[in-house]
Amino acid sequence: MREALESQELPTIKPDIDNCVKGIFDALNKIAWNDDSQVVALVTRKYYSDHPEIEVKVWKIGEEAQGII
């Protein structure tokens, strides 16, 4: 368990990351973009955590994407 929480072991279990992304994209239609077809780049990761969360950062095309690791 310690290895998992220290990101030495990554989750290869459900939920599938593509299903998580699809739900987020659909939820952000008409809020962050007119349609999710406008999204041109994506970075996704899953980690084990004692405090599960989803973090979404959105930039307009042409704006600097600061802080991407």
N, C-alpha and C. Protein backbone atom coordinates (compact mmCIF):
# COMPACT_ATOMS: atom_id res chain seq x y z
N MET A 1 0.83 -1.20 0.00
CA MET A 1 0.00 0.00 0.00
C MET A 1 0.86 1.26 0.00
N ARG A 2 1.96 1.26 0.74
CA ARG A 2 2.84 2.43 0.81
C ARG A 2 3.38 2.76 -0.58
N GLU A 3 3.79 1.73 -1.35
CA GLU A 3 4.32 1.94 -2.69
C GLU A 3 3.29 2.60 -3.60
N ALA A 4 2.04 2.18 -3.44
CA ALA A 4 0.97 2.75 -4.25
C ALA A 4 0.78 4.23 -3.94
N LEU A 5 0.75 4.58 -2.67
CA LEU A 5 0.52 5.98 -2.28
C LEU A 5 1.73 6.86 -2.59
N GLU A 6 2.90 6.27 -2.74
CA GLU A 6 4.09 7.04 -3.10
C GLU A 6 4.33 7.03 -4.61
N SER A 7 3.33 6.63 -5.38
CA SER A 7 3.35 6.59 -6.84
C SER A 7 4.41 5.66 -7.41
N GLN A 8 4.88 4.71 -6.61
CA GLN A 8 5.80 3.71 -7.12
C GLN A 8 5.02 2.60 -7.82
N GLU A 9 3.75 2.52 -7.52
CA GLU A 9 2.86 1.55 -8.15
C GLU A 9 1.68 2.34 -8.71
N LEU A 10 1.43 2.20 -9.99
CA LEU A 10 0.35 2.95 -10.61
C LEU A 10 -0.89 2.07 -10.78
N PRO A 11 -2.08 2.66 -10.70
CA PRO A 11 -3.31 1.89 -10.76
C PRO A 11 -3.65 1.42 -12.17
N THR A 12 -3.66 0.12 -12.36
CA THR A 12 -4.07 -0.44 -13.65
C THR A 12 -5.42 -1.14 -13.48
N ILE A 13 -6.23 -0.57 -12.61
CA ILE A 13 -7.56 -1.10 -12.30
C ILE A 13 -8.62 -0.11 -12.75
N LYS A 14 -9.86 -0.51 -12.66
CA LYS A 14 -10.96 0.38 -13.00
C LYS A 14 -11.05 1.51 -11.99
N PRO A 15 -11.52 2.69 -12.36
CA PRO A 15 -12.12 3.01 -13.64
C PRO A 15 -11.07 3.20 -14.74
N ASP A 16 -11.46 2.91 -15.97
CA ASP A 16 -10.59 3.15 -17.11
C ASP A 16 -10.43 4.66 -17.28
N ILE A 17 -9.22 5.08 -17.56
CA ILE A 17 -8.94 6.52 -17.64
C ILE A 17 -9.73 7.17 -18.78
N ASP A 18 -9.95 6.46 -19.88
CA ASP A 18 -10.69 7.05 -21.00
C ASP A 18 -12.15 7.30 -20.63
N ASN A 19 -12.71 6.45 -19.78
CA ASN A 19 -14.10 6.67 -19.32
C ASN A 19 -14.18 7.88 -18.40
N CYS A 20 -13.18 8.08 -17.57
CA CYS A 20 -13.14 9.27 -16.71
C CYS A 20 -13.07 10.53 -17.56
N VAL A 21 -12.19 10.51 -18.54
CA VAL A 21 -12.02 11.68 -19.42
C VAL A 21 -13.31 11.97 -20.18
N LYS A 22 -13.95 10.96 -20.72
CA LYS A 22 -15.19 11.16 -21.49
C LYS A 22 -16.26 11.84 -20.63
N GLY A 23 -16.41 11.40 -19.41
CA GLY A 23 -17.40 12.02 -18.53
C GLY A 23 -17.08 13.48 -18.24
N ILE A 24 -15.81 13.77 -18.02
CA ILE A 24 -15.39 15.15 -17.76
C ILE A 24 -15.61 16.01 -19.00
N PHE A 25 -15.20 15.49 -20.16
CA PHE A 25 -15.39 16.24 -21.41
C PHE A 25 -16.86 16.55 -21.64
N ASP A 26 -17.72 15.58 -21.48
CA ASP A 26 -19.15 15.81 -21.68
C ASP A 26 -19.69 16.83 -20.67
N ALA A 27 -19.23 16.76 -19.44
CA ALA A 27 -19.70 17.69 -18.41
C ALA A 27 -19.27 19.13 -18.69
N LEU A 28 -18.13 19.30 -19.37
CA LEU A 28 -17.61 20.64 -19.62
C LEU A 28 -18.08 21.24 -20.94
N ASN A 29 -18.86 20.47 -21.74
CA ASN A 29 -19.45 21.04 -22.95
C ASN A 29 -20.33 22.22 -22.56
N LYS A 30 -20.19 23.30 -23.30
CA LYS A 30 -20.93 24.57 -23.10
C LYS A 30 -20.47 25.32 -21.85
N ILE A 31 -19.48 24.79 -21.13
CA ILE A 31 -18.93 25.48 -19.97
C ILE A 31 -17.51 25.93 -20.26
N ALA A 32 -16.65 24.97 -20.60
CA ALA A 32 -15.25 25.28 -20.89
C ALA A 32 -15.01 25.41 -22.40
N TRP A 33 -15.87 24.81 -23.20
CA TRP A 33 -15.79 24.86 -24.66
C TRP A 33 -17.18 24.64 -25.23
N ASN A 34 -17.35 24.97 -26.49
CA ASN A 34 -18.65 24.74 -27.12
C ASN A 34 -18.89 23.25 -27.33
N ASP A 35 -17.86 22.54 -27.73
CA ASP A 35 -17.95 21.10 -27.94
C ASP A 35 -16.58 20.49 -27.69
N ASP A 36 -16.53 19.28 -27.12
CA ASP A 36 -15.24 18.69 -26.78
C ASP A 36 -14.38 18.36 -28.01
N SER A 37 -14.94 18.49 -29.21
CA SER A 37 -14.12 18.32 -30.42
C SER A 37 -13.08 19.44 -30.54
N GLN A 38 -13.25 20.52 -29.79
CA GLN A 38 -12.31 21.64 -29.80
C GLN A 38 -11.03 21.33 -29.01
N VAL A 39 -11.04 20.30 -28.20
CA VAL A 39 -9.86 19.93 -27.40
C VAL A 39 -8.81 19.35 -28.34
N VAL A 40 -7.59 19.92 -28.29
CA VAL A 40 -6.53 19.48 -29.21
C VAL A 40 -5.36 18.80 -28.50
N ALA A 41 -5.31 18.85 -27.19
CA ALA A 41 -4.23 18.18 -26.44
C ALA A 41 -4.78 17.74 -25.10
N LEU A 42 -4.17 16.66 -24.57
CA LEU A 42 -4.66 16.09 -23.33
C LEU A 42 -3.53 15.37 -22.62
N VAL A 43 -3.40 15.60 -21.32
CA VAL A 43 -2.46 14.86 -20.47
C VAL A 43 -3.29 14.26 -19.35
N THR A 44 -3.23 12.95 -19.20
CA THR A 44 -4.00 12.29 -18.15
C THR A 44 -3.12 11.34 -17.36
N ARG A 45 -3.42 11.22 -16.09
CA ARG A 45 -2.70 10.31 -15.21
C ARG A 45 -3.65 9.82 -14.13
N LYS A 46 -3.43 8.59 -13.67
CA LYS A 46 -4.16 8.06 -12.52
C LYS A 46 -3.14 7.74 -11.44
N TYR A 47 -3.51 8.04 -10.21
CA TYR A 47 -2.67 7.73 -9.06
C TYR A 47 -3.53 7.16 -7.96
N TYR A 48 -2.95 6.36 -7.10
CA TYR A 48 -3.62 5.98 -5.86
C TYR A 48 -3.55 7.17 -4.92
N SER A 49 -4.58 7.35 -4.09
CA SER A 49 -4.59 8.48 -3.17
C SER A 49 -5.53 8.21 -2.00
N ASP A 50 -5.19 8.77 -0.85
CA ASP A 50 -6.10 8.76 0.28
C ASP A 50 -7.19 9.81 0.10
N HIS A 51 -6.95 10.76 -0.81
CA HIS A 51 -7.88 11.87 -1.06
C HIS A 51 -8.13 11.98 -2.56
N PRO A 52 -8.98 11.10 -3.11
CA PRO A 52 -9.22 11.11 -4.55
C PRO A 52 -9.81 12.43 -5.02
N GLU A 53 -9.36 12.86 -6.17
CA GLU A 53 -9.86 14.10 -6.77
C GLU A 53 -9.59 14.07 -8.26
N ILE A 54 -10.23 14.96 -8.96
CA ILE A 54 -9.97 15.18 -10.37
C ILE A 54 -9.61 16.65 -10.52
N GLU A 55 -8.51 16.90 -11.20
CA GLU A 55 -8.07 18.27 -11.45
C GLU A 55 -8.09 18.51 -12.95
N VAL A 56 -8.72 19.58 -13.37
CA VAL A 56 -8.84 19.92 -14.79
C VAL A 56 -8.28 21.32 -14.98
N LYS A 57 -7.37 21.45 -15.96
CA LYS A 57 -6.84 22.76 -16.34
C LYS A 57 -7.14 22.96 -17.82
N VAL A 58 -7.67 24.12 -18.17
CA VAL A 58 -8.06 24.40 -19.54
C VAL A 58 -7.40 25.71 -19.97
N TRP A 59 -6.80 25.70 -21.18
CA TRP A 59 -6.21 26.90 -21.76
C TRP A 59 -6.78 27.11 -23.14
N LYS A 60 -6.92 28.37 -23.54
CA LYS A 60 -7.30 28.68 -24.90
C LYS A 60 -6.10 28.43 -25.80
N ILE A 61 -6.37 28.08 -27.05
CA ILE A 61 -5.29 27.89 -28.01
C ILE A 61 -4.49 29.18 -28.12
N GLY A 62 -3.18 29.04 -28.04
CA GLY A 62 -2.30 30.21 -28.13
C GLY A 62 -1.86 30.73 -26.79
N GLU A 63 -2.54 30.37 -25.71
CA GLU A 63 -2.11 30.80 -24.40
C GLU A 63 -1.04 29.86 -23.88
N GLU A 64 -0.12 30.36 -23.09
CA GLU A 64 0.94 29.56 -22.49
C GLU A 64 0.32 28.57 -21.51
N ALA A 65 0.70 27.30 -21.61
CA ALA A 65 0.24 26.27 -20.67
C ALA A 65 1.25 26.19 -19.53
N GLN A 66 1.12 27.05 -18.55
CA GLN A 66 2.04 27.12 -17.43
C GLN A 66 1.81 25.99 -16.46
N GLY A 67 2.88 25.45 -15.93
CA GLY A 67 2.78 24.49 -14.86
C GLY A 67 2.51 23.05 -15.26
N ILE A 68 2.57 22.73 -16.53
CA ILE A 68 2.37 21.34 -16.95
C ILE A 68 3.66 20.57 -16.68
N ILE A 69 3.54 19.47 -16.00
CA ILE A 69 4.71 18.65 -15.64
C ILE A 69 4.77 17.45 -16.57
